[in-house]
Amino acid sequence: MQVLTSFLEMRAAPSAPRASSPDPAYTLERVDWTPDAYRDLYHAVGDPVGWTSRLEMTDGELARLLRDPLFELVVLFRCTVACGFFEIDRRVAGEAELAHFGLTPAAQGLRLAPWMLDAAVRRGWSTPISRLWLHTDACDSPRALGLYQQAGFVVYEETYISYPA
């Protein structure tokens, strides 16, 4: 299966005021989780859109990533229930990747994504970098590309990537 993948980048930190949460019952928290706890949320967010990359990692590989000081896992909670997450990966000098970003189906449509993306972008720019980047593809939410562009990301490459059917 060929999937159109868009690579986007941001070359400067946002200058707009910080977005506020549309619902104070939701909070964002950096967490240190085990591979099993991480995979539970990864499944909840990623299964509907076909995410597999973290599922292909061994427990050891995933544990090393989750413990890496250059990697941040930030989870969206409603009270104590995890409803989404994002990852900031700074393992390449001078840049940060918004490696994963998503909400569980129950948390979609509540205007949480723009607020959570603003928080992810600001967290990405919280250390000196020259760019923040991400990729999205046609399997992600149909609103994803537009959301990223509204936040200030610019497409710098589009390509078709082959995935197993």
N, C-alpha and C. Protein backbone atom coordinates (compact mmCIF):
# COMPACT_ATOMS: atom_id res chain seq x y z
N MET A 1 0.85 -1.18 0.00
CA MET A 1 0.00 0.00 0.00
C MET A 1 0.90 1.24 0.00
N GLN A 2 0.66 2.15 -0.92
CA GLN A 2 1.38 3.41 -1.01
C GLN A 2 0.59 4.49 -0.27
N VAL A 3 1.25 5.21 0.65
CA VAL A 3 0.59 6.23 1.45
C VAL A 3 1.33 7.55 1.29
N LEU A 4 0.60 8.59 0.95
CA LEU A 4 1.21 9.92 0.83
C LEU A 4 1.61 10.40 2.22
N THR A 5 2.88 10.73 2.37
CA THR A 5 3.42 11.20 3.64
C THR A 5 3.95 12.61 3.47
N SER A 6 3.54 13.50 4.36
CA SER A 6 3.98 14.89 4.33
C SER A 6 4.93 15.14 5.49
N PHE A 7 6.07 15.74 5.18
CA PHE A 7 7.06 16.13 6.19
C PHE A 7 6.94 17.64 6.37
N LEU A 8 6.79 18.06 7.61
CA LEU A 8 6.59 19.48 7.90
C LEU A 8 7.63 19.95 8.91
N GLU A 9 7.95 21.23 8.85
CA GLU A 9 8.90 21.79 9.80
C GLU A 9 8.47 23.18 10.21
N MET A 10 9.03 23.60 11.34
CA MET A 10 8.86 24.94 11.88
C MET A 10 10.26 25.42 12.19
N ARG A 11 10.63 26.61 11.70
CA ARG A 11 11.99 27.11 11.86
C ARG A 11 12.14 28.17 12.94
N ALA A 12 11.05 28.53 13.60
CA ALA A 12 11.12 29.51 14.70
C ALA A 12 10.01 29.20 15.70
N ALA A 13 10.30 29.50 16.95
CA ALA A 13 9.31 29.28 18.01
C ALA A 13 8.09 30.17 17.77
N PRO A 14 6.93 29.75 18.21
CA PRO A 14 5.73 30.57 18.02
C PRO A 14 5.81 31.86 18.83
N SER A 15 5.23 32.90 18.25
CA SER A 15 5.22 34.19 18.96
C SER A 15 3.82 34.51 19.50
N ALA A 16 2.84 33.75 19.10
CA ALA A 16 1.46 33.97 19.57
C ALA A 16 1.36 33.61 21.05
N PRO A 17 0.38 34.17 21.74
CA PRO A 17 0.18 33.78 23.15
C PRO A 17 -0.10 32.29 23.28
N ARG A 18 0.26 31.75 24.40
CA ARG A 18 0.03 30.33 24.70
C ARG A 18 -1.46 30.02 24.66
N ALA A 19 -1.82 28.91 24.05
CA ALA A 19 -3.22 28.48 24.00
C ALA A 19 -3.64 27.98 25.38
N SER A 20 -4.91 28.15 25.69
CA SER A 20 -5.42 27.65 26.96
C SER A 20 -6.29 26.42 26.71
N SER A 21 -6.37 25.58 27.71
CA SER A 21 -7.14 24.35 27.61
C SER A 21 -8.62 24.68 27.44
N PRO A 22 -9.29 23.98 26.53
CA PRO A 22 -10.73 24.21 26.39
C PRO A 22 -11.54 23.59 27.53
N ASP A 23 -10.87 22.77 28.35
CA ASP A 23 -11.56 22.10 29.46
C ASP A 23 -10.56 21.86 30.58
N PRO A 24 -10.74 22.50 31.73
CA PRO A 24 -9.77 22.36 32.82
C PRO A 24 -9.67 20.95 33.40
N ALA A 25 -10.58 20.06 33.03
CA ALA A 25 -10.50 18.68 33.51
C ALA A 25 -9.35 17.93 32.83
N TYR A 26 -8.81 18.49 31.75
CA TYR A 26 -7.71 17.86 31.01
C TYR A 26 -6.39 18.52 31.38
N THR A 27 -5.39 17.70 31.61
CA THR A 27 -4.05 18.19 31.92
C THR A 27 -3.02 17.44 31.09
N LEU A 28 -1.87 18.05 30.94
CA LEU A 28 -0.74 17.43 30.25
C LEU A 28 0.36 17.19 31.28
N GLU A 29 0.94 16.01 31.24
CA GLU A 29 1.94 15.65 32.24
C GLU A 29 3.03 14.80 31.59
N ARG A 30 4.27 15.19 31.83
CA ARG A 30 5.38 14.34 31.38
C ARG A 30 5.41 13.12 32.29
N VAL A 31 5.53 11.94 31.67
CA VAL A 31 5.49 10.70 32.44
C VAL A 31 6.70 9.83 32.12
N ASP A 32 7.03 8.97 33.05
CA ASP A 32 8.03 7.94 32.88
C ASP A 32 7.30 6.61 33.02
N TRP A 33 6.99 6.00 31.90
CA TRP A 33 6.18 4.80 31.89
C TRP A 33 6.97 3.57 31.49
N THR A 34 6.43 2.43 31.85
CA THR A 34 6.97 1.15 31.40
C THR A 34 6.54 0.93 29.95
N PRO A 35 7.23 0.04 29.25
CA PRO A 35 6.79 -0.28 27.89
C PRO A 35 5.33 -0.76 27.82
N ASP A 36 4.90 -1.55 28.78
CA ASP A 36 3.52 -2.05 28.75
C ASP A 36 2.50 -0.92 28.89
N ALA A 37 2.72 -0.01 29.83
CA ALA A 37 1.81 1.11 30.01
C ALA A 37 1.80 2.00 28.76
N TYR A 38 2.98 2.23 28.20
CA TYR A 38 3.08 3.03 26.98
C TYR A 38 2.31 2.36 25.84
N ARG A 39 2.52 1.08 25.66
CA ARG A 39 1.86 0.38 24.55
C ARG A 39 0.34 0.41 24.68
N ASP A 40 -0.18 0.35 25.90
CA ASP A 40 -1.63 0.43 26.08
C ASP A 40 -2.17 1.73 25.49
N LEU A 41 -1.53 2.84 25.80
CA LEU A 41 -1.99 4.13 25.26
C LEU A 41 -1.69 4.23 23.77
N TYR A 42 -0.55 3.72 23.35
CA TYR A 42 -0.20 3.72 21.92
C TYR A 42 -1.27 2.99 21.12
N HIS A 43 -1.72 1.85 21.62
CA HIS A 43 -2.80 1.12 20.95
C HIS A 43 -4.07 1.94 20.91
N ALA A 44 -4.44 2.54 22.04
CA ALA A 44 -5.68 3.30 22.12
C ALA A 44 -5.71 4.47 21.14
N VAL A 45 -4.57 5.12 20.97
CA VAL A 45 -4.47 6.26 20.06
C VAL A 45 -4.19 5.81 18.63
N GLY A 46 -3.26 4.89 18.49
CA GLY A 46 -2.75 4.55 17.16
C GLY A 46 -3.47 3.48 16.38
N ASP A 47 -4.13 2.55 17.06
CA ASP A 47 -4.80 1.47 16.31
C ASP A 47 -5.80 1.99 15.29
N PRO A 48 -6.63 2.99 15.62
CA PRO A 48 -7.61 3.45 14.62
C PRO A 48 -6.98 4.05 13.36
N VAL A 49 -5.72 4.48 13.44
CA VAL A 49 -5.07 5.09 12.28
C VAL A 49 -3.88 4.28 11.78
N GLY A 50 -3.71 3.08 12.31
CA GLY A 50 -2.71 2.16 11.77
C GLY A 50 -1.28 2.37 12.22
N TRP A 51 -1.05 3.00 13.37
CA TRP A 51 0.32 3.16 13.85
C TRP A 51 0.91 1.80 14.21
N THR A 52 2.18 1.59 13.86
CA THR A 52 2.84 0.32 14.19
C THR A 52 4.28 0.48 14.66
N SER A 53 4.90 1.62 14.42
CA SER A 53 6.36 1.73 14.61
C SER A 53 6.81 1.37 16.02
N ARG A 54 6.13 1.81 17.03
CA ARG A 54 6.55 1.49 18.40
C ARG A 54 6.22 0.04 18.76
N LEU A 55 5.24 -0.54 18.09
CA LEU A 55 4.89 -1.94 18.35
C LEU A 55 5.94 -2.89 17.82
N GLU A 56 6.73 -2.43 16.87
CA GLU A 56 7.79 -3.25 16.30
C GLU A 56 9.04 -3.26 17.17
N MET A 57 9.09 -2.42 18.18
CA MET A 57 10.24 -2.35 19.07
C MET A 57 10.15 -3.44 20.15
N THR A 58 11.30 -3.98 20.53
CA THR A 58 11.33 -4.93 21.64
C THR A 58 11.09 -4.16 22.94
N ASP A 59 10.79 -4.89 24.02
CA ASP A 59 10.64 -4.25 25.33
C ASP A 59 11.90 -3.47 25.69
N GLY A 60 13.06 -4.06 25.43
CA GLY A 60 14.33 -3.40 25.76
C GLY A 60 14.53 -2.12 24.97
N GLU A 61 14.26 -2.16 23.66
CA GLU A 61 14.41 -0.97 22.83
C GLU A 61 13.46 0.13 23.28
N LEU A 62 12.21 -0.24 23.55
CA LEU A 62 11.23 0.75 23.98
C LEU A 62 11.58 1.31 25.35
N ALA A 63 12.03 0.47 26.26
CA ALA A 63 12.42 0.94 27.60
C ALA A 63 13.58 1.93 27.50
N ARG A 64 14.56 1.64 26.64
CA ARG A 64 15.69 2.57 26.46
C ARG A 64 15.22 3.91 25.92
N LEU A 65 14.30 3.88 24.95
CA LEU A 65 13.77 5.12 24.40
C LEU A 65 13.04 5.91 25.48
N LEU A 66 12.17 5.25 26.21
CA LEU A 66 11.37 5.94 27.23
C LEU A 66 12.23 6.52 28.35
N ARG A 67 13.41 5.94 28.59
CA ARG A 67 14.32 6.45 29.63
C ARG A 67 15.32 7.48 29.11
N ASP A 68 15.43 7.61 27.80
CA ASP A 68 16.42 8.50 27.20
C ASP A 68 16.14 9.95 27.62
N PRO A 69 17.12 10.66 28.18
CA PRO A 69 16.87 12.05 28.61
C PRO A 69 16.57 13.00 27.44
N LEU A 70 16.85 12.58 26.21
CA LEU A 70 16.56 13.42 25.04
C LEU A 70 15.20 13.11 24.42
N PHE A 71 14.43 12.29 25.11
CA PHE A 71 13.10 11.90 24.65
C PHE A 71 12.08 12.24 25.74
N GLU A 72 10.98 12.85 25.35
CA GLU A 72 9.93 13.19 26.32
C GLU A 72 8.60 12.59 25.89
N LEU A 73 7.95 11.94 26.81
CA LEU A 73 6.59 11.45 26.62
C LEU A 73 5.68 12.30 27.49
N VAL A 74 4.75 12.98 26.86
CA VAL A 74 3.80 13.84 27.57
C VAL A 74 2.40 13.30 27.30
N VAL A 75 1.67 13.02 28.37
CA VAL A 75 0.36 12.37 28.27
C VAL A 75 -0.74 13.35 28.64
N LEU A 76 -1.81 13.28 27.87
CA LEU A 76 -3.02 14.04 28.16
C LEU A 76 -3.90 13.19 29.07
N PHE A 77 -4.26 13.75 30.21
CA PHE A 77 -5.11 13.06 31.17
C PHE A 77 -6.42 13.80 31.35
N ARG A 78 -7.49 13.06 31.55
CA ARG A 78 -8.75 13.59 32.09
C ARG A 78 -8.89 12.89 33.42
N CYS A 79 -8.66 13.65 34.48
CA CYS A 79 -8.53 13.08 35.82
C CYS A 79 -7.36 12.09 35.77
N THR A 80 -7.60 10.82 35.95
CA THR A 80 -6.49 9.85 35.93
C THR A 80 -6.50 8.99 34.67
N VAL A 81 -7.36 9.30 33.73
CA VAL A 81 -7.49 8.51 32.50
C VAL A 81 -6.66 9.14 31.39
N ALA A 82 -5.74 8.36 30.82
CA ALA A 82 -4.93 8.83 29.71
C ALA A 82 -5.78 8.89 28.44
N CYS A 83 -5.75 10.05 27.76
CA CYS A 83 -6.61 10.28 26.59
C CYS A 83 -5.83 10.64 25.34
N GLY A 84 -4.53 10.74 25.44
CA GLY A 84 -3.72 11.11 24.29
C GLY A 84 -2.29 11.32 24.74
N PHE A 85 -1.42 11.60 23.78
CA PHE A 85 -0.03 11.84 24.12
C PHE A 85 0.71 12.48 22.96
N PHE A 86 1.89 13.01 23.30
CA PHE A 86 2.84 13.40 22.27
C PHE A 86 4.24 13.07 22.75
N GLU A 87 5.11 12.93 21.76
CA GLU A 87 6.52 12.63 22.02
C GLU A 87 7.38 13.72 21.40
N ILE A 88 8.35 14.18 22.14
CA ILE A 88 9.37 15.09 21.62
C ILE A 88 10.69 14.34 21.65
N ASP A 89 11.30 14.19 20.50
CA ASP A 89 12.55 13.45 20.36
C ASP A 89 13.66 14.43 19.97
N ARG A 90 14.64 14.60 20.85
CA ARG A 90 15.75 15.53 20.62
C ARG A 90 17.07 14.79 20.39
N ARG A 91 17.01 13.54 19.94
CA ARG A 91 18.23 12.75 19.82
C ARG A 91 19.10 13.16 18.64
N VAL A 92 18.62 14.03 17.76
CA VAL A 92 19.44 14.59 16.68
C VAL A 92 19.77 16.02 17.10
N ALA A 93 21.06 16.31 17.18
CA ALA A 93 21.51 17.63 17.66
C ALA A 93 20.92 18.76 16.83
N GLY A 94 20.44 19.79 17.53
CA GLY A 94 19.97 21.01 16.88
C GLY A 94 18.54 20.97 16.39
N GLU A 95 17.87 19.85 16.58
CA GLU A 95 16.48 19.79 16.15
C GLU A 95 15.66 18.95 17.11
N ALA A 96 14.36 19.05 16.97
CA ALA A 96 13.44 18.22 17.74
C ALA A 96 12.38 17.70 16.79
N GLU A 97 12.00 16.45 17.02
CA GLU A 97 10.94 15.85 16.23
C GLU A 97 9.72 15.66 17.11
N LEU A 98 8.58 16.09 16.62
CA LEU A 98 7.32 15.73 17.23
C LEU A 98 6.99 14.35 16.65
N ALA A 99 7.47 13.31 17.35
CA ALA A 99 7.50 11.97 16.78
C ALA A 99 6.12 11.32 16.72
N HIS A 100 5.31 11.50 17.73
CA HIS A 100 3.94 11.01 17.74
C HIS A 100 3.08 12.07 18.41
N PHE A 101 1.85 12.18 17.94
CA PHE A 101 0.89 13.13 18.48
C PHE A 101 -0.49 12.58 18.18
N GLY A 102 -1.30 12.38 19.22
CA GLY A 102 -2.63 11.88 18.94
C GLY A 102 -3.50 11.78 20.18
N LEU A 103 -4.79 11.63 19.92
CA LEU A 103 -5.81 11.52 20.94
C LEU A 103 -6.57 10.21 20.77
N THR A 104 -7.08 9.69 21.86
CA THR A 104 -7.96 8.54 21.77
C THR A 104 -9.25 8.97 21.07
N PRO A 105 -9.97 8.05 20.46
CA PRO A 105 -11.23 8.44 19.80
C PRO A 105 -12.20 9.19 20.73
N ALA A 106 -12.26 8.81 22.00
CA ALA A 106 -13.18 9.47 22.94
C ALA A 106 -12.80 10.92 23.20
N ALA A 107 -11.54 11.28 23.01
CA ALA A 107 -11.08 12.66 23.27
C ALA A 107 -11.08 13.52 22.01
N GLN A 108 -11.38 12.94 20.88
CA GLN A 108 -11.40 13.70 19.63
C GLN A 108 -12.68 14.52 19.51
N GLY A 109 -12.57 15.64 18.82
CA GLY A 109 -13.73 16.49 18.61
C GLY A 109 -14.06 17.41 19.78
N LEU A 110 -13.18 17.47 20.78
CA LEU A 110 -13.42 18.31 21.96
C LEU A 110 -12.55 19.57 21.97
N ARG A 111 -11.92 19.88 20.85
CA ARG A 111 -11.02 21.04 20.69
C ARG A 111 -9.77 20.92 21.56
N LEU A 112 -9.39 19.70 21.90
CA LEU A 112 -8.18 19.47 22.69
C LEU A 112 -6.93 19.48 21.81
N ALA A 113 -7.04 19.05 20.56
CA ALA A 113 -5.86 18.92 19.70
C ALA A 113 -5.11 20.23 19.49
N PRO A 114 -5.78 21.35 19.18
CA PRO A 114 -5.02 22.59 19.01
C PRO A 114 -4.27 23.01 20.27
N TRP A 115 -4.91 22.87 21.41
CA TRP A 115 -4.27 23.21 22.69
C TRP A 115 -3.09 22.27 22.96
N MET A 116 -3.29 20.98 22.74
CA MET A 116 -2.22 20.02 22.99
C MET A 116 -1.07 20.23 22.00
N LEU A 117 -1.38 20.54 20.75
CA LEU A 117 -0.32 20.80 19.77
C LEU A 117 0.46 22.05 20.15
N ASP A 118 -0.21 23.09 20.62
CA ASP A 118 0.49 24.29 21.06
C ASP A 118 1.47 23.95 22.19
N ALA A 119 1.02 23.13 23.13
CA ALA A 119 1.90 22.72 24.22
C ALA A 119 3.07 21.90 23.70
N ALA A 120 2.84 21.03 22.74
CA ALA A 120 3.91 20.22 22.16
C ALA A 120 4.94 21.10 21.45
N VAL A 121 4.45 22.06 20.69
CA VAL A 121 5.35 22.97 19.96
C VAL A 121 6.21 23.77 20.94
N ARG A 122 5.60 24.29 21.96
CA ARG A 122 6.35 25.07 22.95
C ARG A 122 7.36 24.20 23.71
N ARG A 123 6.97 22.97 23.99
CA ARG A 123 7.90 22.05 24.64
C ARG A 123 9.07 21.74 23.70
N GLY A 124 8.77 21.56 22.43
CA GLY A 124 9.82 21.31 21.45
C GLY A 124 10.82 22.45 21.38
N TRP A 125 10.33 23.67 21.46
CA TRP A 125 11.19 24.85 21.38
C TRP A 125 11.77 25.25 22.74
N SER A 126 11.56 24.47 23.77
CA SER A 126 12.03 24.85 25.11
C SER A 126 13.54 24.68 25.28
N THR A 127 14.19 24.07 24.33
CA THR A 127 15.65 23.98 24.30
C THR A 127 16.11 24.58 22.99
N PRO A 128 17.37 25.02 22.91
CA PRO A 128 17.85 25.64 21.66
C PRO A 128 17.88 24.63 20.50
N ILE A 129 17.06 24.89 19.49
CA ILE A 129 17.03 24.08 18.28
C ILE A 129 16.90 25.00 17.08
N SER A 130 17.20 24.47 15.90
CA SER A 130 17.03 25.26 14.69
C SER A 130 15.74 24.90 13.96
N ARG A 131 15.17 23.73 14.30
CA ARG A 131 13.89 23.39 13.70
C ARG A 131 13.18 22.32 14.53
N LEU A 132 11.85 22.36 14.42
CA LEU A 132 10.97 21.35 14.97
C LEU A 132 10.27 20.74 13.77
N TRP A 133 10.24 19.42 13.70
CA TRP A 133 9.64 18.80 12.53
C TRP A 133 8.77 17.62 12.91
N LEU A 134 7.97 17.17 11.94
CA LEU A 134 7.09 16.03 12.12
C LEU A 134 6.74 15.48 10.75
N HIS A 135 6.09 14.34 10.76
CA HIS A 135 5.50 13.85 9.52
C HIS A 135 4.09 13.35 9.83
N THR A 136 3.26 13.40 8.82
CA THR A 136 1.90 12.89 8.91
C THR A 136 1.59 12.23 7.58
N ASP A 137 0.64 11.33 7.60
CA ASP A 137 0.30 10.68 6.33
C ASP A 137 -1.20 10.56 6.16
N ALA A 138 -1.58 10.06 5.01
CA ALA A 138 -2.99 9.98 4.63
C ALA A 138 -3.80 9.05 5.54
N CYS A 139 -3.15 8.23 6.35
CA CYS A 139 -3.86 7.34 7.29
C CYS A 139 -4.22 8.06 8.59
N ASP A 140 -3.51 9.15 8.89
CA ASP A 140 -3.82 9.92 10.10
C ASP A 140 -5.16 10.62 9.94
N SER A 141 -5.57 11.32 10.97
CA SER A 141 -6.83 12.06 10.90
C SER A 141 -6.83 12.97 9.68
N PRO A 142 -7.95 13.07 8.98
CA PRO A 142 -7.99 13.97 7.83
C PRO A 142 -7.78 15.44 8.20
N ARG A 143 -7.90 15.74 9.49
CA ARG A 143 -7.69 17.12 9.96
C ARG A 143 -6.25 17.39 10.37
N ALA A 144 -5.41 16.36 10.43
CA ALA A 144 -4.06 16.50 10.98
C ALA A 144 -3.22 17.50 10.20
N LEU A 145 -3.12 17.35 8.89
CA LEU A 145 -2.26 18.23 8.10
C LEU A 145 -2.65 19.69 8.28
N GLY A 146 -3.94 19.99 8.21
CA GLY A 146 -4.40 21.37 8.40
C GLY A 146 -4.10 21.90 9.79
N LEU A 147 -4.25 21.05 10.80
CA LEU A 147 -3.94 21.46 12.17
C LEU A 147 -2.47 21.84 12.30
N TYR A 148 -1.60 21.01 11.74
CA TYR A 148 -0.16 21.30 11.81
C TYR A 148 0.17 22.59 11.06
N GLN A 149 -0.45 22.81 9.92
CA GLN A 149 -0.20 24.03 9.17
C GLN A 149 -0.73 25.26 9.90
N GLN A 150 -1.88 25.14 10.54
CA GLN A 150 -2.42 26.27 11.33
C GLN A 150 -1.49 26.61 12.48
N ALA A 151 -0.79 25.62 13.01
CA ALA A 151 0.14 25.86 14.13
C ALA A 151 1.45 26.49 13.66
N GLY A 152 1.67 26.56 12.35
CA GLY A 152 2.88 27.20 11.83
C GLY A 152 3.86 26.26 11.14
N PHE A 153 3.54 24.99 11.04
CA PHE A 153 4.40 24.05 10.32
C PHE A 153 4.22 24.24 8.82
N VAL A 154 5.30 24.05 8.07
CA VAL A 154 5.30 24.20 6.61
C VAL A 154 5.77 22.89 6.00
N VAL A 155 5.06 22.44 4.98
CA VAL A 155 5.46 21.21 4.27
C VAL A 155 6.76 21.47 3.54
N TYR A 156 7.76 20.59 3.76
CA TYR A 156 9.01 20.71 3.01
C TYR A 156 9.25 19.51 2.10
N GLU A 157 8.46 18.45 2.25
CA GLU A 157 8.59 17.29 1.35
C GLU A 157 7.33 16.46 1.44
N GLU A 158 6.94 15.92 0.31
CA GLU A 158 5.86 14.95 0.26
C GLU A 158 6.33 13.78 -0.58
N THR A 159 6.05 12.60 -0.11
CA THR A 159 6.47 11.39 -0.81
C THR A 159 5.51 10.26 -0.49
N TYR A 160 5.49 9.27 -1.35
CA TYR A 160 4.71 8.07 -1.09
C TYR A 160 5.60 7.05 -0.42
N ILE A 161 5.11 6.49 0.67
CA ILE A 161 5.85 5.46 1.41
C ILE A 161 5.04 4.18 1.34
N SER A 162 5.73 3.07 1.14
CA SER A 162 5.06 1.77 1.05
C SER A 162 4.92 1.16 2.45
N TYR A 163 3.73 0.67 2.72
CA TYR A 163 3.44 -0.04 3.96
C TYR A 163 2.81 -1.38 3.60
N PRO A 164 3.00 -2.38 4.45
CA PRO A 164 2.31 -3.66 4.18
C PRO A 164 0.80 -3.46 4.20
N ALA A 165 0.13 -4.13 3.33
CA ALA A 165 -1.34 -3.96 3.23
C ALA A 165 -2.05 -4.63 4.40
